[in-house]
Amino acid sequence: MKPSERIKPISYLKSHASEIIGSLAEEGQPLIITQNGDAKAVILDYDSYEQSRETLALLKILALGNKQIEESNVVRADQVIHHLRKRREPT
């Protein structure tokens, strides 16, 4: 389906809700809902939504890691491994 076909007015959503829900999972593409000609909402199937959330979480983790690197707030891997091994040793 062309991107322009993935944009529908809210009246279409109201009259075709069941059909829309069924097609979301099949196509895996979001549907943009307009109101008075302006984009107001995006509808996704649940799996696509979850995948987007997981991707966003990973991007946030990467950004945090990059920030820590820029601030020199890092510890070398061999130091961490040594510290963890020391903690596991019986006292």
C-alpha atoms as a PDB file:
ATOM      1  CA  MET A   1       0.000   0.000   0.000  1.00  0.00           C
ATOM      2  CA  LYS A   2       1.283   3.456  -0.911  1.00  0.00           C
ATOM      3  CA  PRO A   3       2.089   5.846   1.977  1.00  0.00           C
ATOM      4  CA  SER A   4      -0.694   8.169   0.845  1.00  0.00           C
ATOM      5  CA  GLU A   5      -3.157   5.297   1.304  1.00  0.00           C
ATOM      6  CA  ARG A   6      -2.062   4.978   4.941  1.00  0.00           C
ATOM      7  CA  ILE A   7      -3.640   8.351   5.790  1.00  0.00           C
ATOM      8  CA  LYS A   8      -7.343   8.310   6.626  1.00  0.00           C
ATOM      9  CA  PRO A   9      -9.825  10.752   8.165  1.00  0.00           C
ATOM     10  CA  ILE A  10     -11.275  10.038  11.578  1.00  0.00           C
ATOM     11  CA  SER A  11     -14.639   9.288   9.963  1.00  0.00           C
ATOM     12  CA  TYR A  12     -12.999   6.349   8.162  1.00  0.00           C
ATOM     13  CA  LEU A  13     -11.679   5.056  11.481  1.00  0.00           C
ATOM     14  CA  LYS A  14     -15.134   5.285  13.015  1.00  0.00           C
ATOM     15  CA  SER A  15     -16.816   3.345  10.237  1.00  0.00           C
ATOM     16  CA  HIS A  16     -14.056   0.789   9.538  1.00  0.00           C
ATOM     17  CA  ALA A  17     -12.504   0.125  12.970  1.00  0.00           C
ATOM     18  CA  SER A  18     -12.737  -3.659  12.788  1.00  0.00           C
ATOM     19  CA  GLU A  19     -11.297  -3.777   9.276  1.00  0.00           C
ATOM     20  CA  ILE A  20      -8.459  -1.431  10.268  1.00  0.00           C
ATOM     21  CA  ILE A  21      -7.506  -3.518  13.306  1.00  0.00           C
ATOM     22  CA  GLY A  22      -7.426  -6.633  11.141  1.00  0.00           C
ATOM     23  CA  SER A  23      -5.213  -5.067   8.489  1.00  0.00           C
ATOM     24  CA  LEU A  24      -2.718  -3.471  10.878  1.00  0.00           C
ATOM     25  CA  ALA A  25      -1.109  -6.755  11.900  1.00  0.00           C
ATOM     26  CA  GLU A  26      -1.125  -8.103   8.340  1.00  0.00           C
ATOM     27  CA  GLU A  27       0.542  -5.074   6.800  1.00  0.00           C
ATOM     28  CA  GLY A  28       2.728  -4.045   9.715  1.00  0.00           C
ATOM     29  CA  GLN A  29       2.370  -0.414   8.684  1.00  0.00           C
ATOM     30  CA  PRO A  30       0.973   2.410  10.808  1.00  0.00           C
ATOM     31  CA  LEU A  31      -2.203   4.238   9.875  1.00  0.00           C
ATOM     32  CA  ILE A  32      -2.277   8.016  10.231  1.00  0.00           C
ATOM     33  CA  ILE A  33      -5.614   9.471  11.306  1.00  0.00           C
ATOM     34  CA  THR A  34      -6.500  13.022  10.360  1.00  0.00           C
ATOM     35  CA  GLN A  35      -9.046  15.408  11.800  1.00  0.00           C
ATOM     36  CA  ASN A  36     -10.017  18.472   9.792  1.00  0.00           C
ATOM     37  CA  GLY A  37      -7.130  17.682   7.424  1.00  0.00           C
ATOM     38  CA  ASP A  38      -4.442  17.650  10.133  1.00  0.00           C
ATOM     39  CA  ALA A  39      -2.624  14.516  11.272  1.00  0.00           C
ATOM     40  CA  LYS A  40      -3.804  13.800  14.836  1.00  0.00           C
ATOM     41  CA  ALA A  41      -3.003  10.156  15.634  1.00  0.00           C
ATOM     42  CA  VAL A  42      -1.040   7.126  14.519  1.00  0.00           C
ATOM     43  CA  ILE A  43      -2.443   3.623  14.928  1.00  0.00           C
ATOM     44  CA  LEU A  44      -0.079   0.634  15.088  1.00  0.00           C
ATOM     45  CA  ASP A  45      -0.533  -3.053  15.646  1.00  0.00           C
ATOM     46  CA  TYR A  46       0.652  -4.135  19.081  1.00  0.00           C
ATOM     47  CA  ASP A  47       3.756  -6.012  17.895  1.00  0.00           C
ATOM     48  CA  SER A  48       4.993  -2.989  15.945  1.00  0.00           C
ATOM     49  CA  TYR A  49       4.330  -0.788  18.968  1.00  0.00           C
ATOM     50  CA  GLU A  50       6.344  -3.084  21.248  1.00  0.00           C
ATOM     51  CA  GLN A  51       9.190  -3.263  18.734  1.00  0.00           C
ATOM     52  CA  SER A  52       9.265   0.540  18.532  1.00  0.00           C
ATOM     53  CA  ARG A  53       9.380   0.800  22.331  1.00  0.00           C
ATOM     54  CA  GLU A  54      12.250  -1.704  22.545  1.00  0.00           C
ATOM     55  CA  THR A  55      14.154   0.153  19.829  1.00  0.00           C
ATOM     56  CA  LEU A  56      13.654   3.451  21.626  1.00  0.00           C
ATOM     57  CA  ALA A  57      14.871   1.927  24.903  1.00  0.00           C
ATOM     58  CA  LEU A  58      18.025   0.625  23.208  1.00  0.00           C
ATOM     59  CA  LEU A  59      18.672   4.021  21.633  1.00  0.00           C
ATOM     60  CA  LYS A  60      18.351   5.680  25.045  1.00  0.00           C
ATOM     61  CA  ILE A  61      20.858   3.205  26.515  1.00  0.00           C
ATOM     62  CA  LEU A  62      23.288   3.921  23.659  1.00  0.00           C
ATOM     63  CA  ALA A  63      22.892   7.669  24.139  1.00  0.00           C
ATOM     64  CA  LEU A  64      23.558   7.312  27.858  1.00  0.00           C
ATOM     65  CA  GLY A  65      26.654   5.219  27.122  1.00  0.00           C
ATOM     66  CA  ASN A  66      27.937   7.807  24.650  1.00  0.00           C
ATOM     67  CA  LYS A  67      27.372  10.568  27.187  1.00  0.00           C
ATOM     68  CA  GLN A  68      29.308   8.631  29.826  1.00  0.00           C
ATOM     69  CA  ILE A  69      32.163   8.101  27.364  1.00  0.00           C
ATOM     70  CA  GLU A  70      32.245  11.821  26.517  1.00  0.00           C
ATOM     71  CA  GLU A  71      32.353  12.649  30.241  1.00  0.00           C
ATOM     72  CA  SER A  72      35.129  10.059  30.784  1.00  0.00           C
ATOM     73  CA  ASN A  73      32.851   8.302  33.248  1.00  0.00           C
ATOM     74  CA  VAL A  74      33.975   4.810  32.218  1.00  0.00           C
ATOM     75  CA  VAL A  75      35.816   1.863  33.738  1.00  0.00           C
ATOM     76  CA  ARG A  76      37.965  -0.499  31.708  1.00  0.00           C
ATOM     77  CA  ALA A  77      36.457  -3.946  31.145  1.00  0.00           C
ATOM     78  CA  ASP A  78      39.403  -5.785  32.725  1.00  0.00           C
ATOM     79  CA  GLN A  79      38.965  -3.728  35.900  1.00  0.00           C
ATOM     80  CA  VAL A  80      35.268  -4.578  36.081  1.00  0.00           C
ATOM     81  CA  ILE A  81      35.954  -8.281  35.512  1.00  0.00           C
ATOM     82  CA  HIS A  82      38.639  -8.267  38.217  1.00  0.00           C
ATOM     83  CA  HIS A  83      36.260  -6.535  40.642  1.00  0.00           C
ATOM     84  CA  LEU A  84      33.448  -9.016  39.912  1.00  0.00           C
ATOM     85  CA  ARG A  85      35.761 -12.002  40.392  1.00  0.00           C
ATOM     86  CA  LYS A  86      36.942 -10.621  43.727  1.00  0.00           C
ATOM     87  CA  ARG A  87      33.330 -10.290  44.870  1.00  0.00           C
ATOM     88  CA  ARG A  88      32.624 -13.923  43.990  1.00  0.00           C
ATOM     89  CA  GLU A  89      35.560 -15.259  46.024  1.00  0.00           C
ATOM     90  CA  PRO A  90      34.557 -16.763  49.362  1.00  0.00           C
ATOM     91  CA  THR A  91      35.647 -14.674  52.321  1.00  0.00           C
END
